Amino acid sequence: SGVLNTNHLIIVSGLAEIAAGCISMGLGGY
């Protein structure tokens, strides 16, 4: 949000990070 004025890229990037984080940390826990 410090460099972008559009929410679209922020939302897409955020969703991608959440998906990657869920998989990575869930797999790590397993």
Full PDB file with SEQRES, HELIX, SHEET, SSBOND, CRYST1, ORIGX, SCALE, CONECT and MASTER records, all heavy atoms in Angstrom:
SEQRES   1 A   30  SER GLY VAL LEU ASN THR ASN HIS LEU ILE ILE VAL SER          
SEQRES   2 A   30  GLY LEU ALA GLU ILE ALA ALA GLY CYS ILE SER MET GLY          
SEQRES   3 A   30  LEU GLY GLY TYR                                              
HELIX    1 AA1 ASN A    7  GLY A   29  1                                  23    
CRYST1    1.000    1.000    1.000  90.00  90.00  90.00 P 1           1          
ORIGX1      1.000000  0.000000  0.000000        0.00000                         
ORIGX2      0.000000  1.000000  0.000000        0.00000                         
ORIGX3      0.000000  0.000000  1.000000        0.00000                         
SCALE1      1.000000  0.000000  0.000000        0.00000                         
SCALE2      0.000000  1.000000  0.000000        0.00000                         
SCALE3      0.000000  0.000000  1.000000        0.00000                         
ATOM      1  N   SER A   1       0.826  -1.211   0.000  1.00  0.00           N  
ATOM      2  CA  SER A   1       0.000   0.000   0.000  1.00  0.00           C  
ATOM      3  C   SER A   1       0.857   1.256   0.000  1.00  0.00           C  
ATOM      4  O   SER A   1       0.374   2.343  -0.319  1.00  0.00           O  
ATOM      5  CB  SER A   1      -0.945   0.006   1.216  1.00  0.00           C  
ATOM      6  OG  SER A   1      -0.207   0.109   2.421  1.00  0.00           O  
ATOM      7  N   GLY A   2       2.132   1.090   0.352  1.00  0.00           N  
ATOM      8  CA  GLY A   2       3.040   2.238   0.318  1.00  0.00           C  
ATOM      9  C   GLY A   2       3.463   2.621  -1.083  1.00  0.00           C  
ATOM     10  O   GLY A   2       3.949   3.740  -1.309  1.00  0.00           O  
ATOM     11  N   VAL A   3       3.286   1.716  -2.053  1.00  0.00           N  
ATOM     12  CA  VAL A   3       3.725   1.998  -3.428  1.00  0.00           C  
ATOM     13  C   VAL A   3       2.607   1.831  -4.455  1.00  0.00           C  
ATOM     14  O   VAL A   3       2.759   2.257  -5.595  1.00  0.00           O  
ATOM     15  CB  VAL A   3       4.906   1.077  -3.823  1.00  0.00           C  
ATOM     16  CG1 VAL A   3       6.128   1.398  -2.977  1.00  0.00           C  
ATOM     17  CG2 VAL A   3       4.546  -0.391  -3.674  1.00  0.00           C  
ATOM     18  N   LEU A   4       1.495   1.198  -4.069  1.00  0.00           N  
ATOM     19  CA  LEU A   4       0.414   0.961  -5.016  1.00  0.00           C  
ATOM     20  C   LEU A   4      -0.823   1.771  -4.648  1.00  0.00           C  
ATOM     21  O   LEU A   4      -1.131   1.935  -3.471  1.00  0.00           O  
ATOM     22  CB  LEU A   4       0.047  -0.530  -5.037  1.00  0.00           C  
ATOM     23  CG  LEU A   4       1.150  -1.504  -5.473  1.00  0.00           C  
ATOM     24  CD1 LEU A   4       0.659  -2.940  -5.327  1.00  0.00           C  
ATOM     25  CD2 LEU A   4       1.581  -1.242  -6.908  1.00  0.00           C  
ATOM     26  N   ASN A   5      -1.504   2.244  -5.695  1.00  0.00           N  
ATOM     27  CA  ASN A   5      -2.744   2.986  -5.464  1.00  0.00           C  
ATOM     28  C   ASN A   5      -3.974   2.148  -5.795  1.00  0.00           C  
ATOM     29  O   ASN A   5      -5.092   2.626  -5.699  1.00  0.00           O  
ATOM     30  CB  ASN A   5      -2.760   4.266  -6.315  1.00  0.00           C  
ATOM     31  CG  ASN A   5      -1.706   5.257  -5.858  1.00  0.00           C  
ATOM     32  OD1 ASN A   5      -1.494   5.434  -4.657  1.00  0.00           O  
ATOM     33  ND2 ASN A   5      -1.035   5.903  -6.812  1.00  0.00           N  
ATOM     34  N   THR A   6      -3.753   0.933  -6.229  1.00  0.00           N  
ATOM     35  CA  THR A   6      -4.861   0.048  -6.580  1.00  0.00           C  
ATOM     36  C   THR A   6      -4.940  -1.120  -5.606  1.00  0.00           C  
ATOM     37  O   THR A   6      -3.915  -1.677  -5.215  1.00  0.00           O  
ATOM     38  CB  THR A   6      -4.703  -0.485  -8.018  1.00  0.00           C  
ATOM     39  OG1 THR A   6      -5.703  -1.462  -8.271  1.00  0.00           O  
ATOM     40  CG2 THR A   6      -3.328  -1.113  -8.220  1.00  0.00           C  
ATOM     41  N   ASN A   7      -6.155  -1.454  -5.252  1.00  0.00           N  
ATOM     42  CA  ASN A   7      -6.349  -2.555  -4.299  1.00  0.00           C  
ATOM     43  C   ASN A   7      -6.196  -3.924  -4.949  1.00  0.00           C  
ATOM     44  O   ASN A   7      -5.947  -4.910  -4.260  1.00  0.00           O  
ATOM     45  CB  ASN A   7      -7.757  -2.470  -3.674  1.00  0.00           C  
ATOM     46  CG  ASN A   7      -7.768  -1.555  -2.468  1.00  0.00           C  
ATOM     47  OD1 ASN A   7      -6.771  -0.938  -2.141  1.00  0.00           O  
ATOM     48  ND2 ASN A   7      -8.907  -1.473  -1.809  1.00  0.00           N  
ATOM     49  N   HIS A   8      -6.356  -3.980  -6.272  1.00  0.00           N  
ATOM     50  CA  HIS A   8      -6.363  -5.281  -6.950  1.00  0.00           C  
ATOM     51  C   HIS A   8      -5.070  -6.054  -6.707  1.00  0.00           C  
ATOM     52  O   HIS A   8      -5.103  -7.227  -6.298  1.00  0.00           O  
ATOM     53  CB  HIS A   8      -6.588  -5.085  -8.453  1.00  0.00           C  
ATOM     54  CG  HIS A   8      -6.580  -6.372  -9.230  1.00  0.00           C  
ATOM     55  ND1 HIS A   8      -7.587  -7.305  -9.123  1.00  0.00           N  
ATOM     56  CD2 HIS A   8      -5.652  -6.889 -10.091  1.00  0.00           C  
ATOM     57  CE1 HIS A   8      -7.300  -8.336  -9.901  1.00  0.00           C  
ATOM     58  NE2 HIS A   8      -6.139  -8.114 -10.502  1.00  0.00           N  
ATOM     59  N   LEU A   9      -3.927  -5.426  -6.944  1.00  0.00           N  
ATOM     60  CA  LEU A   9      -2.649  -6.110  -6.764  1.00  0.00           C  
ATOM     61  C   LEU A   9      -2.377  -6.434  -5.297  1.00  0.00           C  
ATOM     62  O   LEU A   9      -1.774  -7.458  -4.976  1.00  0.00           O  
ATOM     63  CB  LEU A   9      -1.517  -5.249  -7.329  1.00  0.00           C  
ATOM     64  CG  LEU A   9      -1.448  -5.155  -8.857  1.00  0.00           C  
ATOM     65  CD1 LEU A   9      -0.338  -4.199  -9.294  1.00  0.00           C  
ATOM     66  CD2 LEU A   9      -1.244  -6.530  -9.466  1.00  0.00           C  
ATOM     67  N   ILE A  10      -2.834  -5.549  -4.420  1.00  0.00           N  
ATOM     68  CA  ILE A  10      -2.664  -5.799  -2.984  1.00  0.00           C  
ATOM     69  C   ILE A  10      -3.453  -7.049  -2.576  1.00  0.00           C  
ATOM     70  O   ILE A  10      -2.941  -7.913  -1.860  1.00  0.00           O  
ATOM     71  CB  ILE A  10      -3.117  -4.576  -2.153  1.00  0.00           C  
ATOM     72  CG1 ILE A  10      -2.229  -3.370  -2.456  1.00  0.00           C  
ATOM     73  CG2 ILE A  10      -3.081  -4.902  -0.659  1.00  0.00           C  
ATOM     74  CD1 ILE A  10      -2.677  -2.093  -1.786  1.00  0.00           C  
ATOM     75  N   ILE A  11      -4.689  -7.150  -3.060  1.00  0.00           N  
ATOM     76  CA  ILE A  11      -5.542  -8.287  -2.715  1.00  0.00           C  
ATOM     77  C   ILE A  11      -4.977  -9.584  -3.292  1.00  0.00           C  
ATOM     78  O   ILE A  11      -4.891 -10.604  -2.596  1.00  0.00           O  
ATOM     79  CB  ILE A  11      -6.982  -8.053  -3.216  1.00  0.00           C  
ATOM     80  CG1 ILE A  11      -7.621  -6.889  -2.448  1.00  0.00           C  
ATOM     81  CG2 ILE A  11      -7.826  -9.318  -3.060  1.00  0.00           C  
ATOM     82  CD1 ILE A  11      -8.939  -6.418  -3.035  1.00  0.00           C  
ATOM     83  N   VAL A  12      -4.569  -9.538  -4.571  1.00  0.00           N  
ATOM     84  CA  VAL A  12      -4.021 -10.739  -5.215  1.00  0.00           C  
ATOM     85  C   VAL A  12      -2.750 -11.192  -4.504  1.00  0.00           C  
ATOM     86  O   VAL A  12      -2.556 -12.389  -4.224  1.00  0.00           O  
ATOM     87  CB  VAL A  12      -3.740 -10.473  -6.713  1.00  0.00           C  
ATOM     88  CG1 VAL A  12      -2.959 -11.641  -7.326  1.00  0.00           C  
ATOM     89  CG2 VAL A  12      -5.041 -10.266  -7.469  1.00  0.00           C  
ATOM     90  N   SER A  13      -1.873 -10.232  -4.205  1.00  0.00           N  
ATOM     91  CA  SER A  13      -0.620 -10.571  -3.511  1.00  0.00           C  
ATOM     92  C   SER A  13      -0.900 -11.117  -2.119  1.00  0.00           C  
ATOM     93  O   SER A  13      -0.260 -12.075  -1.676  1.00  0.00           O  
ATOM     94  CB  SER A  13       0.276  -9.331  -3.417  1.00  0.00           C  
ATOM     95  OG  SER A  13       0.607  -8.852  -4.692  1.00  0.00           O  
ATOM     96  N   GLY A  14      -1.864 -10.503  -1.444  1.00  0.00           N  
ATOM     97  CA  GLY A  14      -2.219 -10.958  -0.097  1.00  0.00           C  
ATOM     98  C   GLY A  14      -2.785 -12.372  -0.109  1.00  0.00           C  
ATOM     99  O   GLY A  14      -2.425 -13.200   0.730  1.00  0.00           O  
ATOM    100  N   LEU A  15      -3.668 -12.644  -1.070  1.00  0.00           N  
ATOM    101  CA  LEU A  15      -4.250 -13.992  -1.181  1.00  0.00           C  
ATOM    102  C   LEU A  15      -3.168 -15.024  -1.500  1.00  0.00           C  
ATOM    103  O   LEU A  15      -3.182 -16.136  -0.948  1.00  0.00           O  
ATOM    104  CB  LEU A  15      -5.328 -14.010  -2.264  1.00  0.00           C  
ATOM    105  CG  LEU A  15      -6.642 -13.268  -1.938  1.00  0.00           C  
ATOM    106  CD1 LEU A  15      -7.543 -13.224  -3.158  1.00  0.00           C  
ATOM    107  CD2 LEU A  15      -7.364 -13.943  -0.771  1.00  0.00           C  
ATOM    108  N   ALA A  16      -2.245 -14.657  -2.389  1.00  0.00           N  
ATOM    109  CA  ALA A  16      -1.162 -15.575  -2.744  1.00  0.00           C  
ATOM    110  C   ALA A  16      -0.288 -15.874  -1.532  1.00  0.00           C  
ATOM    111  O   ALA A  16       0.112 -17.024  -1.298  1.00  0.00           O  
ATOM    112  CB  ALA A  16      -0.321 -14.984  -3.867  1.00  0.00           C  
ATOM    113  N   GLU A  17      -0.007 -14.855  -0.738  1.00  0.00           N  
ATOM    114  CA  GLU A  17       0.836 -15.045   0.449  1.00  0.00           C  
ATOM    115  C   GLU A  17       0.126 -15.900   1.486  1.00  0.00           C  
ATOM    116  O   GLU A  17       0.747 -16.796   2.080  1.00  0.00           O  
ATOM    117  CB  GLU A  17       1.198 -13.685   1.052  1.00  0.00           C  
ATOM    118  CG  GLU A  17       2.337 -13.717   2.047  1.00  0.00           C  
ATOM    119  CD  GLU A  17       1.969 -14.379   3.357  1.00  0.00           C  
ATOM    120  OE1 GLU A  17       0.825 -14.166   3.827  1.00  0.00           O  
ATOM    121  OE2 GLU A  17       2.831 -15.104   3.913  1.00  0.00           O  
ATOM    122  N   ILE A  18      -1.167 -15.660   1.677  1.00  0.00           N  
ATOM    123  CA  ILE A  18      -1.928 -16.449   2.644  1.00  0.00           C  
ATOM    124  C   ILE A  18      -1.972 -17.915   2.218  1.00  0.00           C  
ATOM    125  O   ILE A  18      -1.786 -18.823   3.041  1.00  0.00           O  
ATOM    126  CB  ILE A  18      -3.349 -15.886   2.814  1.00  0.00           C  
ATOM    127  CG1 ILE A  18      -3.298 -14.520   3.499  1.00  0.00           C  
ATOM    128  CG2 ILE A  18      -4.221 -16.842   3.616  1.00  0.00           C  
ATOM    129  CD1 ILE A  18      -4.635 -13.793   3.532  1.00  0.00           C  
ATOM    130  N   ALA A  19      -2.200 -18.153   0.923  1.00  0.00           N  
ATOM    131  CA  ALA A  19      -2.237 -19.532   0.422  1.00  0.00           C  
ATOM    132  C   ALA A  19      -0.885 -20.213   0.628  1.00  0.00           C  
ATOM    133  O   ALA A  19      -0.813 -21.346   1.118  1.00  0.00           O  
ATOM    134  CB  ALA A  19      -2.610 -19.541  -1.061  1.00  0.00           C  
ATOM    135  N   ALA A  20       0.182 -19.499   0.268  1.00  0.00           N  
ATOM    136  CA  ALA A  20       1.525 -20.070   0.430  1.00  0.00           C  
ATOM    137  C   ALA A  20       1.843 -20.307   1.900  1.00  0.00           C  
ATOM    138  O   ALA A  20       2.431 -21.331   2.268  1.00  0.00           O  
ATOM    139  CB  ALA A  20       2.562 -19.135  -0.185  1.00  0.00           C  
ATOM    140  N   GLY A  21       1.445 -19.366   2.751  1.00  0.00           N  
ATOM    141  CA  GLY A  21       1.700 -19.501   4.181  1.00  0.00           C  
ATOM    142  C   GLY A  21       0.949 -20.670   4.795  1.00  0.00           C  
ATOM    143  O   GLY A  21       1.499 -21.406   5.610  1.00  0.00           O  
ATOM    144  N   CYS A  22      -0.326 -20.837   4.396  1.00  0.00           N  
ATOM    145  CA  CYS A  22      -1.121 -21.963   4.913  1.00  0.00           C  
ATOM    146  C   CYS A  22      -0.482 -23.298   4.547  1.00  0.00           C  
ATOM    147  O   CYS A  22      -0.358 -24.190   5.395  1.00  0.00           O  
ATOM    148  CB  CYS A  22      -2.533 -21.906   4.330  1.00  0.00           C  
ATOM    149  SG  CYS A  22      -3.589 -20.650   5.063  1.00  0.00           S  
ATOM    150  N   ILE A  23      -0.081 -23.407   3.264  1.00  0.00           N  
ATOM    151  CA  ILE A  23       0.515 -24.669   2.803  1.00  0.00           C  
ATOM    152  C   ILE A  23       1.859 -24.905   3.486  1.00  0.00           C  
ATOM    153  O   ILE A  23       2.129 -26.002   3.993  1.00  0.00           O  
ATOM    154  CB  ILE A  23       0.689 -24.647   1.273  1.00  0.00           C  
ATOM    155  CG1 ILE A  23      -0.681 -24.613   0.599  1.00  0.00           C  
ATOM    156  CG2 ILE A  23       1.489 -25.864   0.807  1.00  0.00           C  
ATOM    157  CD1 ILE A  23      -0.636 -24.356  -0.892  1.00  0.00           C  
ATOM    158  N   SER A  24       2.698 -23.877   3.506  1.00  0.00           N  
ATOM    159  CA  SER A  24       4.042 -24.011   4.078  1.00  0.00           C  
ATOM    160  C   SER A  24       4.004 -24.348   5.560  1.00  0.00           C  
ATOM    161  O   SER A  24       4.646 -25.295   6.020  1.00  0.00           O  
ATOM    162  CB  SER A  24       4.820 -22.722   3.853  1.00  0.00           C  
ATOM    163  OG  SER A  24       6.078 -22.777   4.478  1.00  0.00           O  
ATOM    164  N   MET A  25       3.235 -23.585   6.312  1.00  0.00           N  
ATOM    165  CA  MET A  25       3.199 -23.791   7.760  1.00  0.00           C  
ATOM    166  C   MET A  25       2.411 -25.050   8.132  1.00  0.00           C  
ATOM    167  O   MET A  25       2.762 -25.751   9.079  1.00  0.00           O  
ATOM    168  CB  MET A  25       2.624 -22.566   8.454  1.00  0.00           C  
ATOM    169  CG  MET A  25       3.493 -21.321   8.267  1.00  0.00           C  
ATOM    170  SD  MET A  25       3.090 -20.008   9.421  1.00  0.00           S  
ATOM    171  CE  MET A  25       3.651 -20.710  10.950  1.00  0.00           C  
ATOM    172  N   GLY A  26       1.351 -25.335   7.369  1.00  0.00           N  
ATOM    173  CA  GLY A  26       0.611 -26.567   7.621  1.00  0.00           C  
ATOM    174  C   GLY A  26       1.468 -27.785   7.365  1.00  0.00           C  
ATOM    175  O   GLY A  26       1.478 -28.733   8.157  1.00  0.00           O  
ATOM    176  N   LEU A  27       2.214 -27.759   6.244  1.00  0.00           N  
ATOM    177  CA  LEU A  27       3.110 -28.870   5.931  1.00  0.00           C  
ATOM    178  C   LEU A  27       4.211 -28.990   6.973  1.00  0.00           C  
ATOM    179  O   LEU A  27       4.582 -30.096   7.379  1.00  0.00           O  
ATOM    180  CB  LEU A  27       3.717 -28.668   4.541  1.00  0.00           C  
ATOM    181  CG  LEU A  27       4.641 -29.776   4.029  1.00  0.00           C  
ATOM    182  CD1 LEU A  27       3.911 -31.110   3.976  1.00  0.00           C  
ATOM    183  CD2 LEU A  27       5.196 -29.419   2.649  1.00  0.00           C  
ATOM    184  N   GLY A  28       4.716 -27.829   7.413  1.00  0.00           N  
ATOM    185  CA  GLY A  28       5.738 -27.852   8.464  1.00  0.00           C  
ATOM    186  C   GLY A  28       5.215 -28.477   9.745  1.00  0.00           C  
ATOM    187  O   GLY A  28       5.910 -29.262  10.397  1.00  0.00           O  
ATOM    188  N   GLY A  29       3.965 -28.144  10.093  1.00  0.00           N  
ATOM    189  CA  GLY A  29       3.348 -28.734  11.279  1.00  0.00           C  
ATOM    190  C   GLY A  29       3.145 -30.224  11.129  1.00  0.00           C  
ATOM    191  O   GLY A  29       3.340 -30.991  12.079  1.00  0.00           O  
ATOM    192  N   TYR A  30       2.771 -30.651   9.916  1.00  0.00           N  
ATOM    193  CA  TYR A  30       2.570 -32.085   9.674  1.00  0.00           C  
ATOM    194  C   TYR A  30       3.882 -32.848   9.794  1.00  0.00           C  
ATOM    195  O   TYR A  30       3.954 -33.893  10.442  1.00  0.00           O  
ATOM    196  CB  TYR A  30       1.971 -32.300   8.283  1.00  0.00           C  
ATOM    197  CG  TYR A  30       1.724 -33.758   7.960  1.00  0.00           C  
ATOM    198  CD1 TYR A  30       0.571 -34.400   8.402  1.00  0.00           C  
ATOM    199  CD2 TYR A  30       2.659 -34.493   7.221  1.00  0.00           C  
ATOM    200  CE1 TYR A  30       0.343 -35.736   8.123  1.00  0.00           C  
ATOM    201  CE2 TYR A  30       2.441 -35.833   6.948  1.00  0.00           C  
ATOM    202  CZ  TYR A  30       1.284 -36.446   7.387  1.00  0.00           C  
ATOM    203  OH  TYR A  30       1.076 -37.771   7.121  1.00  0.00           O  
TER     204      TYR A  30                                                      
MASTER        0    0    0    1    0    0    0    6  203    1    0    3          
END                                                                             
